[in-house]
PDB file of all heavy atoms in Angstrom:
ATOM      1  N   ALA A   1      10.203 -10.664  -0.598  1.00  0.00           N
ATOM      2  CA  ALA A   1       9.387 -11.497  -1.484  1.00  0.00           C
ATOM      3  C   ALA A   1       8.088 -10.795  -1.889  1.00  0.00           C
ATOM      4  O   ALA A   1       7.243 -11.390  -2.556  1.00  0.00           O
ATOM      5  CB  ALA A   1       9.074 -12.829  -0.798  1.00  0.00           C
ATOM      6  N   GLY A   2       7.927  -9.537  -1.476  1.00  0.00           N
ATOM      7  CA  GLY A   2       6.726  -8.789  -1.831  1.00  0.00           C
ATOM      8  C   GLY A   2       5.506  -9.180  -1.034  1.00  0.00           C
ATOM      9  O   GLY A   2       4.379  -9.084  -1.528  1.00  0.00           O
ATOM     10  N   SER A   3       5.703  -9.610   0.219  1.00  0.00           N
ATOM     11  CA  SER A   3       4.585 -10.053   1.061  1.00  0.00           C
ATOM     12  C   SER A   3       3.463  -9.018   1.083  1.00  0.00           C
ATOM     13  O   SER A   3       3.680  -7.836   1.312  1.00  0.00           O
ATOM     14  CB  SER A   3       5.090 -10.283   2.489  1.00  0.00           C
ATOM     15  OG  SER A   3       4.040 -10.635   3.341  1.00  0.00           O
ATOM     16  N   GLY A   4       2.236  -9.490   0.817  1.00  0.00           N
ATOM     17  CA  GLY A   4       1.073  -8.611   0.842  1.00  0.00           C
ATOM     18  C   GLY A   4       0.886  -7.752  -0.379  1.00  0.00           C
ATOM     19  O   GLY A   4      -0.139  -7.091  -0.527  1.00  0.00           O
ATOM     20  N   ASN A   5       1.900  -7.708  -1.276  1.00  0.00           N
ATOM     21  CA  ASN A   5       1.814  -6.927  -2.507  1.00  0.00           C
ATOM     22  C   ASN A   5       1.508  -5.452  -2.218  1.00  0.00           C
ATOM     23  O   ASN A   5       0.512  -4.888  -2.683  1.00  0.00           O
ATOM     24  CB  ASN A   5       0.738  -7.512  -3.425  1.00  0.00           C
ATOM     25  CG  ASN A   5       0.760  -6.884  -4.823  1.00  0.00           C
ATOM     26  OD1 ASN A   5       1.645  -6.121  -5.168  1.00  0.00           O
ATOM     27  ND2 ASN A   5      -0.256  -7.206  -5.606  1.00  0.00           N
ATOM     28  N   PRO A   6       2.369  -4.773  -1.450  1.00  0.00           N
ATOM     29  CA  PRO A   6       2.076  -3.379  -1.114  1.00  0.00           C
ATOM     30  C   PRO A   6       1.986  -2.452  -2.316  1.00  0.00           C
ATOM     31  O   PRO A   6       1.166  -1.521  -2.316  1.00  0.00           O
ATOM     32  CB  PRO A   6       3.239  -2.989  -0.184  1.00  0.00           C
ATOM     33  CG  PRO A   6       4.304  -3.992  -0.425  1.00  0.00           C
ATOM     34  CD  PRO A   6       3.610  -5.250  -0.807  1.00  0.00           C
ATOM     35  N   LEU A   7       2.790  -2.679  -3.340  1.00  0.00           N
ATOM     36  CA  LEU A   7       2.714  -1.811  -4.520  1.00  0.00           C
ATOM     37  C   LEU A   7       1.374  -1.989  -5.232  1.00  0.00           C
ATOM     38  O   LEU A   7       0.786  -1.021  -5.724  1.00  0.00           O
ATOM     39  CB  LEU A   7       3.881  -2.084  -5.459  1.00  0.00           C
ATOM     40  CG  LEU A   7       5.280  -1.857  -4.874  1.00  0.00           C
ATOM     41  CD1 LEU A   7       6.347  -2.124  -5.943  1.00  0.00           C
ATOM     42  CD2 LEU A   7       5.428  -0.458  -4.307  1.00  0.00           C
ATOM     43  N   GLY A   8       0.892  -3.223  -5.268  1.00  0.00           N
ATOM     44  CA  GLY A   8      -0.434  -3.464  -5.836  1.00  0.00           C
ATOM     45  C   GLY A   8      -1.527  -2.809  -5.005  1.00  0.00           C
ATOM     46  O   GLY A   8      -2.500  -2.258  -5.549  1.00  0.00           O
ATOM     47  N   GLN A   9      -1.391  -2.849  -3.681  1.00  0.00           N
ATOM     48  CA  GLN A   9      -2.372  -2.196  -2.808  1.00  0.00           C
ATOM     49  C   GLN A   9      -2.415  -0.691  -3.075  1.00  0.00           C
ATOM     50  O   GLN A   9      -3.498  -0.091  -3.133  1.00  0.00           O
ATOM     51  CB  GLN A   9      -2.026  -2.454  -1.345  1.00  0.00           C
ATOM     52  CG  GLN A   9      -2.196  -3.904  -0.896  1.00  0.00           C
ATOM     53  CD  GLN A   9      -1.860  -4.077   0.579  1.00  0.00           C
ATOM     54  OE1 GLN A   9      -2.385  -3.383   1.436  1.00  0.00           O
ATOM     55  NE2 GLN A   9      -0.958  -5.011   0.871  1.00  0.00           N
ATOM     56  N   ILE A  10      -1.248  -0.071  -3.227  1.00  0.00           N
ATOM     57  CA  ILE A  10      -1.199   1.367  -3.493  1.00  0.00           C
ATOM     58  C   ILE A  10      -1.857   1.682  -4.835  1.00  0.00           C
ATOM     59  O   ILE A  10      -2.677   2.603  -4.943  1.00  0.00           O
ATOM     60  CB  ILE A  10       0.262   1.851  -3.481  1.00  0.00           C
ATOM     61  CG1 ILE A  10       0.842   1.750  -2.060  1.00  0.00           C
ATOM     62  CG2 ILE A  10       0.358   3.290  -3.987  1.00  0.00           C
ATOM     63  CD1 ILE A  10       2.350   1.906  -2.000  1.00  0.00           C
ATOM     64  N   GLN A  11      -1.516   0.904  -5.850  1.00  0.00           N
ATOM     65  CA  GLN A  11      -2.079   1.152  -7.177  1.00  0.00           C
ATOM     66  C   GLN A  11      -3.598   1.049  -7.153  1.00  0.00           C
ATOM     67  O   GLN A  11      -4.304   1.889  -7.731  1.00  0.00           O
ATOM     68  CB  GLN A  11      -1.499   0.158  -8.186  1.00  0.00           C
ATOM     69  CG  GLN A  11      -1.892   0.448  -9.626  1.00  0.00           C
ATOM     70  CD  GLN A  11      -1.238   1.697 -10.185  1.00  0.00           C
ATOM     71  OE1 GLN A  11      -0.026   1.847 -10.158  1.00  0.00           O
ATOM     72  NE2 GLN A  11      -2.062   2.605 -10.704  1.00  0.00           N
ATOM     73  N   HIS A  12      -4.125   0.030  -6.492  1.00  0.00           N
ATOM     74  CA  HIS A  12      -5.576  -0.164  -6.494  1.00  0.00           C
ATOM     75  C   HIS A  12      -6.290   0.771  -5.528  1.00  0.00           C
ATOM     76  O   HIS A  12      -7.474   1.085  -5.742  1.00  0.00           O
ATOM     77  CB  HIS A  12      -5.903  -1.630  -6.218  1.00  0.00           C
ATOM     78  CG  HIS A  12      -5.663  -2.509  -7.412  1.00  0.00           C
ATOM     79  ND1 HIS A  12      -6.610  -2.695  -8.395  1.00  0.00           N
ATOM     80  CD2 HIS A  12      -4.573  -3.205  -7.800  1.00  0.00           C
ATOM     81  CE1 HIS A  12      -6.123  -3.476  -9.336  1.00  0.00           C
ATOM     82  NE2 HIS A  12      -4.884  -3.799  -9.004  1.00  0.00           N
ATOM     83  N   ALA A  13      -5.604   1.245  -4.484  1.00  0.00           N
ATOM     84  CA  ALA A  13      -6.193   2.293  -3.648  1.00  0.00           C
ATOM     85  C   ALA A  13      -6.503   3.513  -4.517  1.00  0.00           C
ATOM     86  O   ALA A  13      -7.554   4.162  -4.373  1.00  0.00           O
ATOM     87  CB  ALA A  13      -5.244   2.660  -2.517  1.00  0.00           C
ATOM     88  N   HIS A  14      -5.606   3.817  -5.431  1.00  0.00           N
ATOM     89  CA  HIS A  14      -5.810   4.933  -6.352  1.00  0.00           C
ATOM     90  C   HIS A  14      -6.826   4.595  -7.438  1.00  0.00           C
ATOM     91  O   HIS A  14      -7.750   5.367  -7.715  1.00  0.00           O
ATOM     92  CB  HIS A  14      -4.477   5.313  -7.000  1.00  0.00           C
ATOM     93  CG  HIS A  14      -4.612   6.284  -8.128  1.00  0.00           C
ATOM     94  ND1 HIS A  14      -4.772   5.882  -9.444  1.00  0.00           N
ATOM     95  CD2 HIS A  14      -4.625   7.637  -8.149  1.00  0.00           C
ATOM     96  CE1 HIS A  14      -4.878   6.947 -10.222  1.00  0.00           C
ATOM     97  NE2 HIS A  14      -4.780   8.027  -9.468  1.00  0.00           N
ATOM     98  N   ASP A  15      -6.680   3.424  -8.050  1.00  0.00           N
ATOM     99  CA  ASP A  15      -7.482   3.096  -9.229  1.00  0.00           C
ATOM    100  C   ASP A  15      -8.930   2.769  -8.889  1.00  0.00           C
ATOM    101  O   ASP A  15      -9.838   3.100  -9.664  1.00  0.00           O
ATOM    102  CB  ASP A  15      -6.878   1.898  -9.960  1.00  0.00           C
ATOM    103  CG  ASP A  15      -5.535   2.210 -10.607  1.00  0.00           C
ATOM    104  OD1 ASP A  15      -5.137   3.397 -10.632  1.00  0.00           O
ATOM    105  OD2 ASP A  15      -4.883   1.256 -11.072  1.00  0.00           O
ATOM    106  N   ASP A  16      -9.151   2.091  -7.746  1.00  0.00           N
ATOM    107  CA  ASP A  16     -10.468   1.521  -7.455  1.00  0.00           C
ATOM    108  C   ASP A  16     -11.174   2.137  -6.253  1.00  0.00           C
ATOM    109  O   ASP A  16     -12.383   1.967  -6.112  1.00  0.00           O
ATOM    110  CB  ASP A  16     -10.346   0.017  -7.166  1.00  0.00           C
ATOM    111  CG  ASP A  16      -9.635  -0.753  -8.261  1.00  0.00           C
ATOM    112  OD1 ASP A  16      -9.586  -0.254  -9.397  1.00  0.00           O
ATOM    113  OD2 ASP A  16      -9.118  -1.844  -7.979  1.00  0.00           O
ATOM    114  N   TRP A  17     -10.443   2.813  -5.375  1.00  0.00           N
ATOM    115  CA  TRP A  17     -11.004   3.168  -4.065  1.00  0.00           C
ATOM    116  C   TRP A  17     -11.127   4.664  -3.843  1.00  0.00           C
ATOM    117  O   TRP A  17     -11.414   5.087  -2.718  1.00  0.00           O
ATOM    118  CB  TRP A  17     -10.173   2.509  -2.950  1.00  0.00           C
ATOM    119  CG  TRP A  17     -10.417   1.032  -2.924  1.00  0.00           C
ATOM    120  CD1 TRP A  17      -9.888   0.094  -3.772  1.00  0.00           C
ATOM    121  CD2 TRP A  17     -11.282   0.322  -2.060  1.00  0.00           C
ATOM    122  NE1 TRP A  17     -10.379  -1.143  -3.483  1.00  0.00           N
ATOM    123  CE2 TRP A  17     -11.244  -1.043  -2.429  1.00  0.00           C
ATOM    124  CE3 TRP A  17     -12.097   0.689  -0.994  1.00  0.00           C
ATOM    125  CZ2 TRP A  17     -11.981  -2.026  -1.777  1.00  0.00           C
ATOM    126  CZ3 TRP A  17     -12.832  -0.278  -0.342  1.00  0.00           C
ATOM    127  CH2 TRP A  17     -12.778  -1.620  -0.733  1.00  0.00           C
ATOM    128  N   TYR A  18     -10.934   5.471  -4.881  1.00  0.00           N
ATOM    129  CA  TYR A  18     -11.135   6.915  -4.770  1.00  0.00           C
ATOM    130  C   TYR A  18     -10.288   7.507  -3.640  1.00  0.00           C
ATOM    131  O   TYR A  18     -10.650   8.502  -3.023  1.00  0.00           O
ATOM    132  CB  TYR A  18     -12.620   7.239  -4.529  1.00  0.00           C
ATOM    133  CG  TYR A  18     -13.549   6.580  -5.517  1.00  0.00           C
ATOM    134  CD1 TYR A  18     -14.094   5.318  -5.262  1.00  0.00           C
ATOM    135  CD2 TYR A  18     -13.874   7.194  -6.724  1.00  0.00           C
ATOM    136  CE1 TYR A  18     -14.937   4.701  -6.178  1.00  0.00           C
ATOM    137  CE2 TYR A  18     -14.719   6.585  -7.641  1.00  0.00           C
ATOM    138  CZ  TYR A  18     -15.250   5.340  -7.361  1.00  0.00           C
ATOM    139  OH  TYR A  18     -16.078   4.739  -8.268  1.00  0.00           O
ATOM    140  N   ALA A  19      -9.150   6.900  -3.367  1.00  0.00           N
ATOM    141  CA  ALA A  19      -8.310   7.320  -2.252  1.00  0.00           C
ATOM    142  C   ALA A  19      -7.526   8.584  -2.604  1.00  0.00           C
ATOM    143  O   ALA A  19      -7.146   8.802  -3.756  1.00  0.00           O
ATOM    144  CB  ALA A  19      -7.337   6.203  -1.877  1.00  0.00           C
ATOM    145  N   ASN A  20      -7.296   9.407  -1.587  1.00  0.00           N
ATOM    146  CA  ASN A  20      -6.343  10.501  -1.746  1.00  0.00           C
ATOM    147  C   ASN A  20      -5.137  10.316  -0.818  1.00  0.00           C
ATOM    148  O   ASN A  20      -4.231  11.161  -0.809  1.00  0.00           O
ATOM    149  CB  ASN A  20      -7.002  11.869  -1.507  1.00  0.00           C
ATOM    150  CG  ASN A  20      -7.582  12.028  -0.102  1.00  0.00           C
ATOM    151  OD1 ASN A  20      -7.249  11.281   0.821  1.00  0.00           O
ATOM    152  ND2 ASN A  20      -8.461  13.005   0.067  1.00  0.00           N
ATOM    153  N   THR A  21      -5.133   9.216  -0.051  1.00  0.00           N
ATOM    154  CA  THR A  21      -4.099   8.975   0.962  1.00  0.00           C
ATOM    155  C   THR A  21      -3.809   7.491   1.058  1.00  0.00           C
ATOM    156  O   THR A  21      -4.732   6.670   0.949  1.00  0.00           O
ATOM    157  CB  THR A  21      -4.568   9.477   2.340  1.00  0.00           C
ATOM    158  OG1 THR A  21      -4.929  10.857   2.245  1.00  0.00           O
ATOM    159  CG2 THR A  21      -3.505   9.300   3.406  1.00  0.00           C
ATOM    160  N   VAL A  22      -2.548   7.145   1.272  1.00  0.00           N
ATOM    161  CA  VAL A  22      -2.204   5.787   1.704  1.00  0.00           C
ATOM    162  C   VAL A  22      -1.369   5.889   2.975  1.00  0.00           C
ATOM    163  O   VAL A  22      -0.543   6.795   3.124  1.00  0.00           O
ATOM    164  CB  VAL A  22      -1.440   4.980   0.631  1.00  0.00           C
ATOM    165  CG1 VAL A  22      -2.370   4.588  -0.510  1.00  0.00           C
ATOM    166  CG2 VAL A  22      -0.227   5.732   0.109  1.00  0.00           C
ATOM    167  N   ARG A  23      -1.613   4.963   3.873  1.00  0.00           N
ATOM    168  CA  ARG A  23      -0.886   4.901   5.146  1.00  0.00           C
ATOM    169  C   ARG A  23      -0.047   3.619   5.118  1.00  0.00           C
ATOM    170  O   ARG A  23      -0.588   2.521   5.095  1.00  0.00           O
ATOM    171  CB  ARG A  23      -1.872   4.888   6.317  1.00  0.00           C
ATOM    172  CG  ARG A  23      -1.266   4.672   7.695  1.00  0.00           C
ATOM    173  CD  ARG A  23      -2.364   4.758   8.754  1.00  0.00           C
ATOM    174  NE  ARG A  23      -1.892   4.419  10.085  1.00  0.00           N
ATOM    175  CZ  ARG A  23      -1.961   3.189  10.625  1.00  0.00           C
ATOM    176  NH1 ARG A  23      -2.462   2.179   9.905  1.00  0.00           N
ATOM    177  NH2 ARG A  23      -1.528   2.965  11.847  1.00  0.00           N
ATOM    178  N   LEU A  24       1.263   3.791   5.106  1.00  0.00           N
ATOM    179  CA  LEU A  24       2.177   2.665   4.990  1.00  0.00           C
ATOM    180  C   LEU A  24       2.599   2.201   6.384  1.00  0.00           C
ATOM    181  O   LEU A  24       3.212   2.967   7.130  1.00  0.00           O
ATOM    182  CB  LEU A  24       3.408   3.064   4.179  1.00  0.00           C
ATOM    183  CG  LEU A  24       3.173   3.772   2.843  1.00  0.00           C
ATOM    184  CD1 LEU A  24       4.516   4.094   2.185  1.00  0.00           C
ATOM    185  CD2 LEU A  24       2.302   2.936   1.915  1.00  0.00           C
ATOM    186  N   GLN A  25       2.293   0.959   6.721  1.00  0.00           N
ATOM    187  CA  GLN A  25       2.770   0.374   7.974  1.00  0.00           C
ATOM    188  C   GLN A  25       4.221  -0.051   7.763  1.00  0.00           C
ATOM    189  O   GLN A  25       4.494  -0.998   7.019  1.00  0.00           O
ATOM    190  CB  GLN A  25       1.916  -0.836   8.368  1.00  0.00           C
ATOM    191  CG  GLN A  25       0.486  -0.473   8.732  1.00  0.00           C
ATOM    192  CD  GLN A  25      -0.336  -1.708   9.095  1.00  0.00           C
ATOM    193  OE1 GLN A  25      -0.279  -2.718   8.406  1.00  0.00           O
ATOM    194  NE2 GLN A  25      -1.095  -1.620  10.166  1.00  0.00           N
ATOM    195  N   VAL A  26       5.143   0.625   8.407  1.00  0.00           N
ATOM    196  CA  VAL A  26       6.573   0.412   8.170  1.00  0.00           C
ATOM    197  C   VAL A  26       7.214  -0.159   9.432  1.00  0.00           C
ATOM    198  O   VAL A  26       7.141   0.445  10.503  1.00  0.00           O
ATOM    199  CB  VAL A  26       7.270   1.719   7.761  1.00  0.00           C
ATOM    200  CG1 VAL A  26       8.760   1.486   7.535  1.00  0.00           C
ATOM    201  CG2 VAL A  26       6.613   2.300   6.503  1.00  0.00           C
ATOM    202  N   GLY A  27       7.851  -1.307   9.304  1.00  0.00           N
ATOM    203  CA  GLY A  27       8.462  -1.971  10.446  1.00  0.00           C
ATOM    204  C   GLY A  27       9.702  -1.233  10.925  1.00  0.00           C
ATOM    205  O   GLY A  27      10.694  -1.128  10.199  1.00  0.00           O
ATOM    206  N   VAL A  28       9.646  -0.719  12.159  1.00  0.00           N
ATOM    207  CA  VAL A  28      10.791   0.011  12.715  1.00  0.00           C
ATOM    208  C   VAL A  28      12.048  -0.868  12.750  1.00  0.00           C
ATOM    209  O   VAL A  28      13.117  -0.450  12.297  1.00  0.00           O
ATOM    210  CB  VAL A  28      10.445   0.582  14.100  1.00  0.00           C
ATOM    211  CG1 VAL A  28      11.686   1.168  14.778  1.00  0.00           C
ATOM    212  CG2 VAL A  28       9.358   1.651  13.979  1.00  0.00           C
ATOM    213  N   PRO A  29      11.982  -2.116  13.255  1.00  0.00           N
ATOM    214  CA  PRO A  29      13.204  -2.938  13.263  1.00  0.00           C
ATOM    215  C   PRO A  29      13.703  -3.288  11.864  1.00  0.00           C
ATOM    216  O   PRO A  29      14.894  -3.562  11.694  1.00  0.00           O
ATOM    217  CB  PRO A  29      12.774  -4.204  14.013  1.00  0.00           C
ATOM    218  CG  PRO A  29      11.546  -3.832  14.764  1.00  0.00           C
ATOM    219  CD  PRO A  29      10.871  -2.804  13.916  1.00  0.00           C
ATOM    220  N   LEU A  30      12.825  -3.265  10.871  1.00  0.00           N
ATOM    221  CA  LEU A  30      13.242  -3.592   9.507  1.00  0.00           C
ATOM    222  C   LEU A  30      14.063  -2.455   8.912  1.00  0.00           C
ATOM    223  O   LEU A  30      15.097  -2.687   8.272  1.00  0.00           O
ATOM    224  CB  LEU A  30      12.026  -3.903   8.638  1.00  0.00           C
ATOM    225  CG  LEU A  30      11.083  -4.992   9.156  1.00  0.00           C
ATOM    226  CD1 LEU A  30       9.944  -5.213   8.166  1.00  0.00           C
ATOM    227  CD2 LEU A  30      11.830  -6.290   9.421  1.00  0.00           C
TER     228      LEU A  30
END
């Protein structure tokens, strides 16, 4: 269902936060 909007977080990390890195929390059981 897109919980937390991770794609939006990535886009805005780049667009608004001067980021050069994103760290994705990935569920091992998932």
